[in-house]
Amino acid sequence: MLVIADENVDFPIIVALREAGYRVRAVTETSPSLADTAILAEAALAEAVLLTLDRDFGDLIFSQGLQAPYAVIYVRPKGMRLADLIEAIFSALRDPALAGLHVTIDRNQRRTRVLPNTGETNG
C-alpha cells in the first residue's frame, strides 16, 4: 500500500511507517511546497492513502468535488503523544474497510466518512 504523506506529517511518523513496511512517498522529500490540489491529484492517480494534518483536503474533496484518493487519513494531533498517534495511524491503515473512507483521528476518537468520487460504481 502506498501512503502519500503530506508536507506537515512529522518525519518520525514517516520513519515508523517505512519501518513497518509501508511504501511512503513524503511530500517533504519529493515536492516541498506542492499545492494541495496537486498532492490530492497525485494521491488519486496513484490510488494511495493520503496522510495529512491539513483539513483542506476534506474541503477539496467534499466541497469542491475533486477526485478522492484510495483513502484519506486526517490527523488532529493536539494532545496526543507521538507513540499513540503512530499507533492510531497504523490502526487506520490496517482497517480492512479503509478503501473509500476519510478517517479523522484525534485524541478522543476516530471518525469515518465515505469519500465521494472514488471511481467506484454501484452494482
Protein backbone atom coordinates (compact mmCIF):
# COMPACT_ATOMS: atom_id res chain seq x y z
CA MET A 1 0.00 0.00 0.00
CA LEU A 2 1.34 3.41 -0.95
CA VAL A 3 0.97 6.21 1.57
CA ILE A 4 1.50 9.78 0.44
CA ALA A 5 2.48 11.81 3.48
CA ASP A 6 1.62 15.49 3.22
CA GLU A 7 4.33 18.02 3.99
CA ASN A 8 3.02 18.56 7.53
CA VAL A 9 3.48 14.93 8.61
CA ASP A 10 6.35 14.72 11.10
CA PHE A 11 9.36 12.72 9.95
CA PRO A 12 9.24 10.24 12.89
CA ILE A 13 5.81 9.15 11.61
CA ILE A 14 7.21 8.65 8.11
CA VAL A 15 10.10 6.61 9.51
CA ALA A 16 7.75 4.46 11.61
CA LEU A 17 5.56 3.75 8.58
CA ARG A 18 8.55 2.77 6.47
CA GLU A 19 9.96 0.56 9.21
CA ALA A 20 6.57 -1.18 9.38
CA GLY A 21 6.81 -1.97 5.67
CA TYR A 22 4.61 0.73 4.16
CA ARG A 23 5.75 2.43 0.97
CA VAL A 24 5.73 6.13 1.83
CA ARG A 25 6.11 9.00 -0.58
CA ALA A 26 6.82 12.04 1.61
CA VAL A 27 5.98 15.38 0.02
CA THR A 28 8.78 17.00 2.06
CA GLU A 29 11.27 14.77 0.24
CA THR A 30 9.81 14.76 -3.26
CA SER A 31 8.00 18.05 -3.82
CA PRO A 32 8.21 20.56 -0.97
CA SER A 33 5.60 23.32 -1.22
CA LEU A 34 3.50 21.39 -3.74
CA ALA A 35 -0.06 22.71 -3.86
CA ASP A 36 -2.73 20.70 -2.05
CA THR A 37 -4.64 20.20 -5.30
CA ALA A 38 -1.55 18.65 -6.91
CA ILE A 39 -0.94 16.40 -3.90
CA LEU A 40 -4.56 15.26 -4.00
CA ALA A 41 -4.38 14.59 -7.74
CA GLU A 42 -1.18 12.57 -7.28
CA ALA A 43 -2.74 10.50 -4.50
CA ALA A 44 -5.86 9.85 -6.57
CA LEU A 45 -3.84 8.84 -9.63
CA ALA A 46 -1.63 6.52 -7.56
CA GLU A 47 -4.66 5.10 -5.68
CA ALA A 48 -2.76 5.92 -2.50
CA VAL A 49 -3.72 6.67 1.07
CA LEU A 50 -3.24 10.37 1.74
CA LEU A 51 -1.95 11.05 5.26
CA THR A 52 -2.28 14.65 6.37
CA LEU A 53 -2.70 17.06 9.24
CA ASP A 54 -4.39 19.54 6.89
CA ARG A 55 -8.18 19.78 6.88
CA ASP A 56 -8.10 21.46 3.46
CA PHE A 57 -8.08 18.07 1.71
CA GLY A 58 -11.52 17.26 3.08
CA ASP A 59 -12.78 20.60 1.78
CA LEU A 60 -11.24 19.94 -1.65
CA ILE A 61 -12.93 16.54 -1.85
CA PHE A 62 -16.29 17.13 -0.18
CA SER A 63 -16.95 20.79 -1.04
CA GLN A 64 -15.11 21.29 -4.32
CA GLY A 65 -15.67 17.82 -5.74
CA LEU A 66 -12.05 16.98 -6.56
CA GLN A 67 -11.17 13.33 -7.16
CA ALA A 68 -10.59 11.39 -3.95
CA PRO A 69 -7.66 9.04 -3.42
CA TYR A 70 -7.96 5.45 -2.16
CA ALA A 71 -8.44 6.88 1.35
CA VAL A 72 -7.60 9.93 3.44
CA ILE A 73 -6.28 9.80 6.98
CA TYR A 74 -6.60 13.23 8.55
CA VAL A 75 -4.84 13.52 11.89
CA ARG A 76 -5.53 16.16 14.52
CA PRO A 77 -2.60 15.50 16.87
CA LYS A 78 -3.30 18.09 19.57
CA GLY A 79 -2.91 16.43 22.95
CA MET A 80 -1.65 13.14 21.51
CA ARG A 81 1.69 11.55 22.33
CA LEU A 82 3.72 10.58 19.27
CA ALA A 83 3.54 6.85 20.07
CA ASP A 84 -0.26 7.00 20.40
CA LEU A 85 -0.53 8.99 17.19
CA ILE A 86 1.56 6.45 15.28
CA GLU A 87 -0.48 3.55 16.66
CA ALA A 88 -3.73 5.28 15.66
CA ILE A 89 -2.40 5.73 12.11
CA PHE A 90 -1.34 2.07 11.97
CA SER A 91 -4.77 1.04 13.21
CA ALA A 92 -6.46 3.05 10.46
CA LEU A 93 -4.14 1.64 7.80
CA ARG A 94 -4.82 -1.94 8.96
CA ASP A 95 -8.60 -1.45 8.80
CA PRO A 96 -9.90 -3.74 6.04
CA ALA A 97 -12.69 -1.20 5.34
CA LEU A 98 -10.27 1.71 4.73
CA ALA A 99 -10.88 1.94 0.98
CA GLY A 100 -13.09 4.89 0.12
CA LEU A 101 -13.01 6.46 3.58
CA HIS A 102 -11.98 9.79 5.02
CA VAL A 103 -10.74 8.94 8.52
CA THR A 104 -10.31 11.66 11.13
CA ILE A 105 -8.13 10.79 14.10
CA ASP A 106 -7.90 12.88 17.23
CA ARG A 107 -7.05 12.12 20.84
CA ASN A 108 -10.61 11.18 21.77
CA GLN A 109 -11.92 9.27 18.80
CA ARG A 110 -11.69 8.08 15.22
CA ARG A 111 -14.46 9.13 12.85
CA THR A 112 -15.04 7.94 9.31
CA ARG A 113 -16.89 9.39 6.38
CA VAL A 114 -17.37 7.82 2.95
CA LEU A 115 -15.47 9.61 0.21
CA PRO A 116 -17.31 10.70 -2.93
CA ASN A 117 -15.78 10.33 -6.39
CA THR A 118 -13.62 7.32 -5.63
CA GLY A 119 -14.20 5.93 -9.09
CA GLU A 120 -16.34 3.10 -7.74
CA THR A 121 -19.67 2.27 -9.29
CA ASN A 122 -22.79 0.96 -7.62
CA GLY A 123 -23.76 -2.51 -8.67
